[in-house]
Amino acid sequence: MDWKVFFSTFGIVFLAELGDKTQLAGLNMAAESRMPFLVFFGSLAAYALVTLITVLIGDTLTKFIGPEIIKYGSASLFIIIGILIFSGKI
């Protein structure tokens, strides 16, 4: 197992997810339901499924296009989505 890849991925995802809307949704759900463990496991399952889908898509894309193009494409989509959110179109 390549622990460098594991810890790099963990660190990047952990820092990227700090204070995002998913955490705010989980906070709200736990406060409203008063069932923090169910909210935790529901969030964990949902995030695991979303991550599985994105990893499979990323792996499939590398069979057709290079990792550099995927990196720049992802960054471009991130910027475009941010602009759309700020403009109120999303």
PDB file of N, CA and C in Angstrom:
ATOM      1  N   MET A   1       0.846  -1.178   0.000  1.00  0.00           N
ATOM      2  CA  MET A   1       0.000   0.000   0.000  1.00  0.00           C
ATOM      3  C   MET A   1       0.891   1.241   0.000  1.00  0.00           C
ATOM      4  N   ASP A   2       0.525   2.210  -0.809  1.00  0.00           N
ATOM      5  CA  ASP A   2       1.291   3.445  -0.890  1.00  0.00           C
ATOM      6  C   ASP A   2       0.708   4.454   0.111  1.00  0.00           C
ATOM      7  N   TRP A   3       1.318   4.525   1.282  1.00  0.00           N
ATOM      8  CA  TRP A   3       0.808   5.384   2.351  1.00  0.00           C
ATOM      9  C   TRP A   3       0.911   6.862   1.994  1.00  0.00           C
ATOM     10  N   LYS A   4       1.856   7.210   1.137  1.00  0.00           N
ATOM     11  CA  LYS A   4       1.994   8.607   0.720  1.00  0.00           C
ATOM     12  C   LYS A   4       0.729   9.065  -0.010  1.00  0.00           C
ATOM     13  N   VAL A   5       0.213   8.230  -0.911  1.00  0.00           N
ATOM     14  CA  VAL A   5      -1.024   8.556  -1.629  1.00  0.00           C
ATOM     15  C   VAL A   5      -2.188   8.642  -0.640  1.00  0.00           C
ATOM     16  N   PHE A   6      -2.259   7.690   0.280  1.00  0.00           N
ATOM     17  CA  PHE A   6      -3.339   7.687   1.273  1.00  0.00           C
ATOM     18  C   PHE A   6      -3.344   8.974   2.092  1.00  0.00           C
ATOM     19  N   PHE A   7      -2.198   9.318   2.675  1.00  0.00           N
ATOM     20  CA  PHE A   7      -2.148  10.493   3.543  1.00  0.00           C
ATOM     21  C   PHE A   7      -2.269  11.803   2.768  1.00  0.00           C
ATOM     22  N   SER A   8      -1.769  11.833   1.547  1.00  0.00           N
ATOM     23  CA  SER A   8      -1.949  13.028   0.711  1.00  0.00           C
ATOM     24  C   SER A   8      -3.437  13.247   0.417  1.00  0.00           C
ATOM     25  N   THR A   9      -4.116  12.166   0.040  1.00  0.00           N
ATOM     26  CA  THR A   9      -5.546  12.250  -0.234  1.00  0.00           C
ATOM     27  C   THR A   9      -6.316  12.650   1.013  1.00  0.00           C
ATOM     28  N   PHE A  10      -5.992  12.023   2.136  1.00  0.00           N
ATOM     29  CA  PHE A  10      -6.663  12.356   3.394  1.00  0.00           C
ATOM     30  C   PHE A  10      -6.496  13.836   3.719  1.00  0.00           C
ATOM     31  N   GLY A  11      -5.268  14.320   3.639  1.00  0.00           N
ATOM     32  CA  GLY A  11      -4.993  15.714   3.987  1.00  0.00           C
ATOM     33  C   GLY A  11      -5.709  16.697   3.079  1.00  0.00           C
ATOM     34  N   ILE A  12      -5.672  16.437   1.766  1.00  0.00           N
ATOM     35  CA  ILE A  12      -6.322  17.338   0.822  1.00  0.00           C
ATOM     36  C   ILE A  12      -7.830  17.356   1.034  1.00  0.00           C
ATOM     37  N   VAL A  13      -8.435  16.190   1.160  1.00  0.00           N
ATOM     38  CA  VAL A  13      -9.893  16.130   1.344  1.00  0.00           C
ATOM     39  C   VAL A  13     -10.289  16.718   2.690  1.00  0.00           C
ATOM     40  N   PHE A  14      -9.544  16.420   3.734  1.00  0.00           N
ATOM     41  CA  PHE A  14      -9.860  16.948   5.065  1.00  0.00           C
ATOM     42  C   PHE A  14      -9.851  18.475   5.051  1.00  0.00           C
ATOM     43  N   LEU A  15      -8.800  19.059   4.498  1.00  0.00           N
ATOM     44  CA  LEU A  15      -8.702  20.516   4.469  1.00  0.00           C
ATOM     45  C   LEU A  15      -9.753  21.134   3.549  1.00  0.00           C
ATOM     46  N   ALA A  16     -10.042  20.480   2.428  1.00  0.00           N
ATOM     47  CA  ALA A  16     -11.030  21.013   1.493  1.00  0.00           C
ATOM     48  C   ALA A  16     -12.437  20.990   2.073  1.00  0.00           C
ATOM     49  N   GLU A  17     -12.713  20.036   2.928  1.00  0.00           N
ATOM     50  CA  GLU A  17     -14.066  19.876   3.470  1.00  0.00           C
ATOM     51  C   GLU A  17     -14.317  20.681   4.740  1.00  0.00           C
ATOM     52  N   LEU A  18     -13.281  21.239   5.341  1.00  0.00           N
ATOM     53  CA  LEU A  18     -13.480  22.007   6.573  1.00  0.00           C
ATOM     54  C   LEU A  18     -14.399  23.201   6.322  1.00  0.00           C
ATOM     55  N   GLY A  19     -15.478  23.273   7.077  1.00  0.00           N
ATOM     56  CA  GLY A  19     -16.376  24.423   7.012  1.00  0.00           C
ATOM     57  C   GLY A  19     -17.203  24.525   5.750  1.00  0.00           C
ATOM     58  N   ASP A  20     -17.381  23.435   5.015  1.00  0.00           N
ATOM     59  CA  ASP A  20     -18.184  23.531   3.797  1.00  0.00           C
ATOM     60  C   ASP A  20     -19.666  23.310   4.107  1.00  0.00           C
ATOM     61  N   LYS A  21     -20.482  23.404   3.082  1.00  0.00           N
ATOM     62  CA  LYS A  21     -21.930  23.305   3.277  1.00  0.00           C
ATOM     63  C   LYS A  21     -22.373  21.934   3.783  1.00  0.00           C
ATOM     64  N   THR A  22     -21.586  20.897   3.497  1.00  0.00           N
ATOM     65  CA  THR A  22     -21.920  19.563   3.986  1.00  0.00           C
ATOM     66  C   THR A  22     -21.843  19.516   5.506  1.00  0.00           C
ATOM     67  N   GLN A  23     -20.835  20.150   6.073  1.00  0.00           N
ATOM     68  CA  GLN A  23     -20.719  20.187   7.533  1.00  0.00           C
ATOM     69  C   GLN A  23     -21.868  20.982   8.140  1.00  0.00           C
ATOM     70  N   LEU A  24     -22.231  22.071   7.498  1.00  0.00           N
ATOM     71  CA  LEU A  24     -23.344  22.873   8.011  1.00  0.00           C
ATOM     72  C   LEU A  24     -24.657  22.095   7.937  1.00  0.00           C
ATOM     73  N   ALA A  25     -24.843  21.323   6.869  1.00  0.00           N
ATOM     74  CA  ALA A  25     -26.041  20.491   6.750  1.00  0.00           C
ATOM     75  C   ALA A  25     -26.059  19.420   7.843  1.00  0.00           C
ATOM     76  N   GLY A  26     -24.904  18.793   8.086  1.00  0.00           N
ATOM     77  CA  GLY A  26     -24.815  17.780   9.151  1.00  0.00           C
ATOM     78  C   GLY A  26     -25.078  18.374  10.516  1.00  0.00           C
ATOM     79  N   LEU A  27     -24.545  19.557  10.758  1.00  0.00           N
ATOM     80  CA  LEU A  27     -24.775  20.245  12.027  1.00  0.00           C
ATOM     81  C   LEU A  27     -26.271  20.510  12.230  1.00  0.00           C
ATOM     82  N   ASN A  28     -26.910  20.991  11.170  1.00  0.00           N
ATOM     83  CA  ASN A  28     -28.337  21.285  11.231  1.00  0.00           C
ATOM     84  C   ASN A  28     -29.165  20.016  11.442  1.00  0.00           C
ATOM     85  N   MET A  29     -28.830  18.957  10.697  1.00  0.00           N
ATOM     86  CA  MET A  29     -29.575  17.694  10.836  1.00  0.00           C
ATOM     87  C   MET A  29     -29.418  17.103  12.233  1.00  0.00           C
ATOM     88  N   ALA A  30     -28.214  17.150  12.785  1.00  0.00           N
ATOM     89  CA  ALA A  30     -27.981  16.613  14.130  1.00  0.00           C
ATOM     90  C   ALA A  30     -28.754  17.427  15.171  1.00  0.00           C
ATOM     91  N   ALA A  31     -28.772  18.741  15.000  1.00  0.00           N
ATOM     92  CA  ALA A  31     -29.492  19.595  15.949  1.00  0.00           C
ATOM     93  C   ALA A  31     -30.995  19.364  15.875  1.00  0.00           C
ATOM     94  N   GLU A  32     -31.523  19.234  14.664  1.00  0.00           N
ATOM     95  CA  GLU A  32     -32.967  19.043  14.505  1.00  0.00           C
ATOM     96  C   GLU A  32     -33.428  17.654  14.918  1.00  0.00           C
ATOM     97  N   SER A  33     -32.660  16.628  14.545  1.00  0.00           N
ATOM     98  CA  SER A  33     -33.101  15.255  14.803  1.00  0.00           C
ATOM     99  C   SER A  33     -32.756  14.767  16.198  1.00  0.00           C
ATOM    100  N   ARG A  34     -31.717  15.357  16.788  1.00  0.00           N
ATOM    101  CA  ARG A  34     -31.192  14.897  18.076  1.00  0.00           C
ATOM    102  C   ARG A  34     -30.769  13.425  18.017  1.00  0.00           C
ATOM    103  N   MET A  35     -30.329  13.019  16.836  1.00  0.00           N
ATOM    104  CA  MET A  35     -29.825  11.660  16.609  1.00  0.00           C
ATOM    105  C   MET A  35     -28.471  11.753  15.905  1.00  0.00           C
ATOM    106  N   PRO A  36     -27.448  12.227  16.631  1.00  0.00           N
ATOM    107  CA  PRO A  36     -26.161  12.497  15.985  1.00  0.00           C
ATOM    108  C   PRO A  36     -25.508  11.276  15.343  1.00  0.00           C
ATOM    109  N   PHE A  37     -25.677  10.103  15.921  1.00  0.00           N
ATOM    110  CA  PHE A  37     -25.035   8.922  15.345  1.00  0.00           C
ATOM    111  C   PHE A  37     -25.666   8.542  14.008  1.00  0.00           C
ATOM    112  N   LEU A  38     -26.996   8.665  13.898  1.00  0.00           N
ATOM    113  CA  LEU A  38     -27.656   8.381  12.623  1.00  0.00           C
ATOM    114  C   LEU A  38     -27.264   9.408  11.569  1.00  0.00           C
ATOM    115  N   VAL A  39     -27.149  10.661  11.981  1.00  0.00           N
ATOM    116  CA  VAL A  39     -26.710  11.700  11.048  1.00  0.00           C
ATOM    117  C   VAL A  39     -25.273  11.420  10.613  1.00  0.00           C
ATOM    118  N   PHE A  40     -24.429  11.035  11.549  1.00  0.00           N
ATOM    119  CA  PHE A  40     -23.031  10.721  11.228  1.00  0.00           C
ATOM    120  C   PHE A  40     -22.950   9.577  10.224  1.00  0.00           C
ATOM    121  N   PHE A  41     -23.649   8.482  10.486  1.00  0.00           N
ATOM    122  CA  PHE A  41     -23.562   7.325   9.604  1.00  0.00           C
ATOM    123  C   PHE A  41     -24.237   7.586   8.258  1.00  0.00           C
ATOM    124  N   GLY A  42     -25.317   8.369   8.245  1.00  0.00           N
ATOM    125  CA  GLY A  42     -25.936   8.754   6.983  1.00  0.00           C
ATOM    126  C   GLY A  42     -25.001   9.619   6.151  1.00  0.00           C
ATOM    127  N   SER A  43     -24.341  10.578   6.796  1.00  0.00           N
ATOM    128  CA  SER A  43     -23.381  11.436   6.110  1.00  0.00           C
ATOM    129  C   SER A  43     -22.196  10.624   5.606  1.00  0.00           C
ATOM    130  N   LEU A  44     -21.713   9.725   6.433  1.00  0.00           N
ATOM    131  CA  LEU A  44     -20.580   8.884   6.065  1.00  0.00           C
ATOM    132  C   LEU A  44     -20.908   8.029   4.837  1.00  0.00           C
ATOM    133  N   ALA A  45     -22.088   7.426   4.838  1.00  0.00           N
ATOM    134  CA  ALA A  45     -22.499   6.583   3.712  1.00  0.00           C
ATOM    135  C   ALA A  45     -22.647   7.408   2.433  1.00  0.00           C
ATOM    136  N   ALA A  46     -23.262   8.579   2.559  1.00  0.00           N
ATOM    137  CA  ALA A  46     -23.453   9.432   1.383  1.00  0.00           C
ATOM    138  C   ALA A  46     -22.115   9.897   0.826  1.00  0.00           C
ATOM    139  N   TYR A  47     -21.219  10.321   1.692  1.00  0.00           N
ATOM    140  CA  TYR A  47     -19.916  10.803   1.230  1.00  0.00           C
ATOM    141  C   TYR A  47     -19.095   9.665   0.627  1.00  0.00           C
ATOM    142  N   ALA A  48     -19.196   8.485   1.213  1.00  0.00           N
ATOM    143  CA  ALA A  48     -18.479   7.331   0.656  1.00  0.00           C
ATOM    144  C   ALA A  48     -18.986   7.007  -0.746  1.00  0.00           C
ATOM    145  N   LEU A  49     -20.291   7.055  -0.958  1.00  0.00           N
ATOM    146  CA  LEU A  49     -20.861   6.760  -2.268  1.00  0.00           C
ATOM    147  C   LEU A  49     -20.441   7.814  -3.297  1.00  0.00           C
ATOM    148  N   VAL A  50     -20.533   9.083  -2.924  1.00  0.00           N
ATOM    149  CA  VAL A  50     -20.121  10.158  -3.832  1.00  0.00           C
ATOM    150  C   VAL A  50     -18.637  10.028  -4.172  1.00  0.00           C
ATOM    151  N   THR A  51     -17.824   9.708  -3.185  1.00  0.00           N
ATOM    152  CA  THR A  51     -16.390   9.553  -3.418  1.00  0.00           C
ATOM    153  C   THR A  51     -16.116   8.361  -4.326  1.00  0.00           C
ATOM    154  N   LEU A  52     -16.810   7.260  -4.114  1.00  0.00           N
ATOM    155  CA  LEU A  52     -16.643   6.084  -4.966  1.00  0.00           C
ATOM    156  C   LEU A  52     -16.962   6.438  -6.424  1.00  0.00           C
ATOM    157  N   ILE A  53     -18.061   7.145  -6.636  1.00  0.00           N
ATOM    158  CA  ILE A  53     -18.448   7.525  -7.992  1.00  0.00           C
ATOM    159  C   ILE A  53     -17.379   8.414  -8.628  1.00  0.00           C
ATOM    160  N   THR A  54     -16.896   9.416  -7.889  1.00  0.00           N
ATOM    161  CA  THR A  54     -15.894  10.320  -8.466  1.00  0.00           C
ATOM    162  C   THR A  54     -14.567   9.613  -8.736  1.00  0.00           C
ATOM    163  N   VAL A  55     -14.173   8.702  -7.870  1.00  0.00           N
ATOM    164  CA  VAL A  55     -12.926   7.958  -8.081  1.00  0.00           C
ATOM    165  C   VAL A  55     -13.056   7.063  -9.319  1.00  0.00           C
ATOM    166  N   LEU A  56     -14.195   6.408  -9.476  1.00  0.00           N
ATOM    167  CA  LEU A  56     -14.402   5.566 -10.653  1.00  0.00           C
ATOM    168  C   LEU A  56     -14.413   6.393 -11.939  1.00  0.00           C
ATOM    169  N   ILE A  57     -15.034   7.564 -11.898  1.00  0.00           N
ATOM    170  CA  ILE A  57     -15.034   8.449 -13.068  1.00  0.00           C
ATOM    171  C   ILE A  57     -13.610   8.904 -13.382  1.00  0.00           C
ATOM    172  N   GLY A  58     -12.870   9.307 -12.342  1.00  0.00           N
ATOM    173  CA  GLY A  58     -11.486   9.737 -12.546  1.00  0.00           C
ATOM    174  C   GLY A  58     -10.628   8.634 -13.135  1.00  0.00           C
ATOM    175  N   ASP A  59     -10.794   7.424 -12.636  1.00  0.00           N
ATOM    176  CA  ASP A  59     -10.025   6.290 -13.140  1.00  0.00           C
ATOM    177  C   ASP A  59     -10.385   5.998 -14.592  1.00  0.00           C
ATOM    178  N   THR A  60     -11.669   6.087 -14.922  1.00  0.00           N
ATOM    179  CA  THR A  60     -12.116   5.843 -16.293  1.00  0.00           C
ATOM    180  C   THR A  60     -11.604   6.932 -17.241  1.00  0.00           C
ATOM    181  N   LEU A  61     -11.657   8.184 -16.802  1.00  0.00           N
ATOM    182  CA  LEU A  61     -11.198   9.286 -17.651  1.00  0.00           C
ATOM    183  C   LEU A  61      -9.717   9.166 -18.016  1.00  0.00           C
ATOM    184  N   THR A  62      -8.911   8.650 -17.090  1.00  0.00           N
ATOM    185  CA  THR A  62      -7.471   8.546 -17.373  1.00  0.00           C
ATOM    186  C   THR A  62      -7.172   7.539 -18.475  1.00  0.00           C
ATOM    187  N   LYS A  63      -8.139   6.717 -18.827  1.00  0.00           N
ATOM    188  CA  LYS A  63      -7.945   5.789 -19.947  1.00  0.00           C
ATOM    189  C   LYS A  63      -8.069   6.499 -21.290  1.00  0.00           C
ATOM    190  N   PHE A  64      -8.702   7.696 -21.273  1.00  0.00           N
ATOM    191  CA  PHE A  64      -8.939   8.433 -22.510  1.00  0.00           C
ATOM    192  C   PHE A  64      -8.164   9.745 -22.598  1.00  0.00           C
ATOM    193  N   ILE A  65      -7.948  10.381 -21.464  1.00  0.00           N
ATOM    194  CA  ILE A  65      -7.222  11.650 -21.452  1.00  0.00           C
ATOM    195  C   ILE A  65      -6.222  11.648 -20.297  1.00  0.00           C
ATOM    196  N   GLY A  66      -5.222  12.488 -20.397  1.00  0.00           N
ATOM    197  CA  GLY A  66      -4.152  12.519 -19.406  1.00  0.00           C
ATOM    198  C   GLY A  66      -4.554  13.188 -18.096  1.00  0.00           C
ATOM    199  N   PRO A  67      -3.829  12.870 -17.022  1.00  0.00           N
ATOM    200  CA  PRO A  67      -4.122  13.443 -15.703  1.00  0.00           C
ATOM    201  C   PRO A  67      -4.009  14.972 -15.668  1.00  0.00           C
ATOM    202  N   GLU A  68      -3.107  15.538 -16.466  1.00  0.00           N
ATOM    203  CA  GLU A  68      -2.955  17.003 -16.486  1.00  0.00           C
ATOM    204  C   GLU A  68      -4.229  17.670 -17.007  1.00  0.00           C
ATOM    205  N   ILE A  69      -4.811  17.092 -18.051  1.00  0.00           N
ATOM    206  CA  ILE A  69      -6.048  17.652 -18.606  1.00  0.00           C
ATOM    207  C   ILE A  69      -7.178  17.531 -17.590  1.00  0.00           C
ATOM    208  N   ILE A  70      -7.234  16.412 -16.885  1.00  0.00           N
ATOM    209  CA  ILE A  70      -8.255  16.228 -15.848  1.00  0.00           C
ATOM    210  C   ILE A  70      -8.069  17.265 -14.742  1.00  0.00           C
ATOM    211  N   LYS A  71      -6.822  17.504 -14.353  1.00  0.00           N
ATOM    212  CA  LYS A  71      -6.530  18.480 -13.297  1.00  0.00           C
ATOM    213  C   LYS A  71      -6.989  19.877 -13.702  1.00  0.00           C
ATOM    214  N   TYR A  72      -6.625  20.303 -14.907  1.00  0.00           N
ATOM    215  CA  TYR A  72      -7.014  21.636 -15.362  1.00  0.00           C
ATOM    216  C   TYR A  72      -8.515  21.722 -15.632  1.00  0.00           C
ATOM    217  N   GLY A  73      -9.091  20.642 -16.126  1.00  0.00           N
ATOM    218  CA  GLY A  73     -10.541  20.611 -16.338  1.00  0.00           C
ATOM    219  C   GLY A  73     -11.304  20.725 -15.025  1.00  0.00           C
ATOM    220  N   SER A  74     -10.830  20.013 -14.008  1.00  0.00           N
ATOM    221  CA  SER A  74     -11.469  20.078 -12.685  1.00  0.00           C
ATOM    222  C   SER A  74     -11.362  21.478 -12.094  1.00  0.00           C
ATOM    223  N   ALA A  75     -10.184  22.073 -12.224  1.00  0.00           N
ATOM    224  CA  ALA A  75      -9.986  23.429 -11.705  1.00  0.00           C
ATOM    225  C   ALA A  75     -10.894  24.423 -12.437  1.00  0.00           C
ATOM    226  N   SER A  76     -11.008  24.262 -13.749  1.00  0.00           N
ATOM    227  CA  SER A  76     -11.879  25.144 -14.529  1.00  0.00           C
ATOM    228  C   SER A  76     -13.334  25.006 -14.118  1.00  0.00           C
ATOM    229  N   LEU A  77     -13.786  23.760 -13.948  1.00  0.00           N
ATOM    230  CA  LEU A  77     -15.170  23.538 -13.502  1.00  0.00           C
ATOM    231  C   LEU A  77     -15.413  24.139 -12.124  1.00  0.00           C
ATOM    232  N   PHE A  78     -14.436  24.021 -11.244  1.00  0.00           N
ATOM    233  CA  PHE A  78     -14.549  24.584  -9.901  1.00  0.00           C
ATOM    234  C   PHE A  78     -14.745  26.098  -9.983  1.00  0.00           C
ATOM    235  N   ILE A  79     -13.958  26.747 -10.829  1.00  0.00           N
ATOM    236  CA  ILE A  79     -14.069  28.202 -10.994  1.00  0.00           C
ATOM    237  C   ILE A  79     -15.411  28.574 -11.618  1.00  0.00           C
ATOM    238  N   ILE A  80     -15.817  27.854 -12.653  1.00  0.00           N
ATOM    239  CA  ILE A  80     -17.089  28.146 -13.322  1.00  0.00           C
ATOM    240  C   ILE A  80     -18.262  27.991 -12.359  1.00  0.00           C
ATOM    241  N   ILE A  81     -18.268  26.914 -11.584  1.00  0.00           N
ATOM    242  CA  ILE A  81     -19.349  26.695 -10.619  1.00  0.00           C
ATOM    243  C   ILE A  81     -19.349  27.798  -9.566  1.00  0.00           C
ATOM    244  N   GLY A  82     -18.161  28.204  -9.104  1.00  0.00           N
ATOM    245  CA  GLY A  82     -18.072  29.304  -8.138  1.00  0.00           C
ATOM    246  C   GLY A  82     -18.652  30.588  -8.690  1.00  0.00           C
ATOM    247  N   ILE A  83     -18.337  30.894  -9.938  1.00  0.00           N
ATOM    248  CA  ILE A  83     -18.878  32.104 -10.574  1.00  0.00           C
ATOM    249  C   ILE A  83     -20.398  32.012 -10.686  1.00  0.00           C
ATOM    250  N   LEU A  84     -20.892  30.860 -11.086  1.00  0.00           N
ATOM    251  CA  LEU A  84     -22.348  30.681 -11.203  1.00  0.00           C
ATOM    252  C   LEU A  84     -23.047  30.816  -9.855  1.00  0.00           C
ATOM    253  N   ILE A  85     -22.422  30.298  -8.797  1.00  0.00           N
ATOM    254  CA  ILE A  85     -23.006  30.415  -7.456  1.00  0.00           C
ATOM    255  C   ILE A  85     -23.036  31.872  -7.033  1.00  0.00           C
ATOM    256  N   PHE A  86     -21.932  32.587  -7.219  1.00  0.00           N
ATOM    257  CA  PHE A  86     -21.881  34.011  -6.829  1.00  0.00           C
ATOM    258  C   PHE A  86     -22.841  34.853  -7.659  1.00  0.00           C
ATOM    259  N   SER A  87     -23.067  34.470  -8.916  1.00  0.00           N
ATOM    260  CA  SER A  87     -23.954  35.259  -9.766  1.00  0.00           C
ATOM    261  C   SER A  87     -25.428  34.945  -9.501  1.00  0.00           C
ATOM    262  N   GLY A  88     -25.685  33.913  -8.697  1.00  0.00           N
ATOM    263  CA  GLY A  88     -27.054  33.548  -8.349  1.00  0.00           C
ATOM    264  C   GLY A  88     -27.726  32.646  -9.378  1.00  0.00           C
ATOM    265  N   LYS A  89     -26.978  32.107 -10.301  1.00  0.00           N
ATOM    266  CA  LYS A  89     -27.552  31.241 -11.336  1.00  0.00           C
ATOM    267  C   LYS A  89     -27.687  29.790 -10.856  1.00  0.00           C
ATOM    268  N   ILE A  90     -27.031  29.474  -9.748  1.00  0.00           N
ATOM    269  CA  ILE A  90     -27.160  28.119  -9.165  1.00  0.00           C
ATOM    270  C   ILE A  90     -27.713  28.288  -7.768  1.00  0.00           C
TER     271      ILE A  90
END
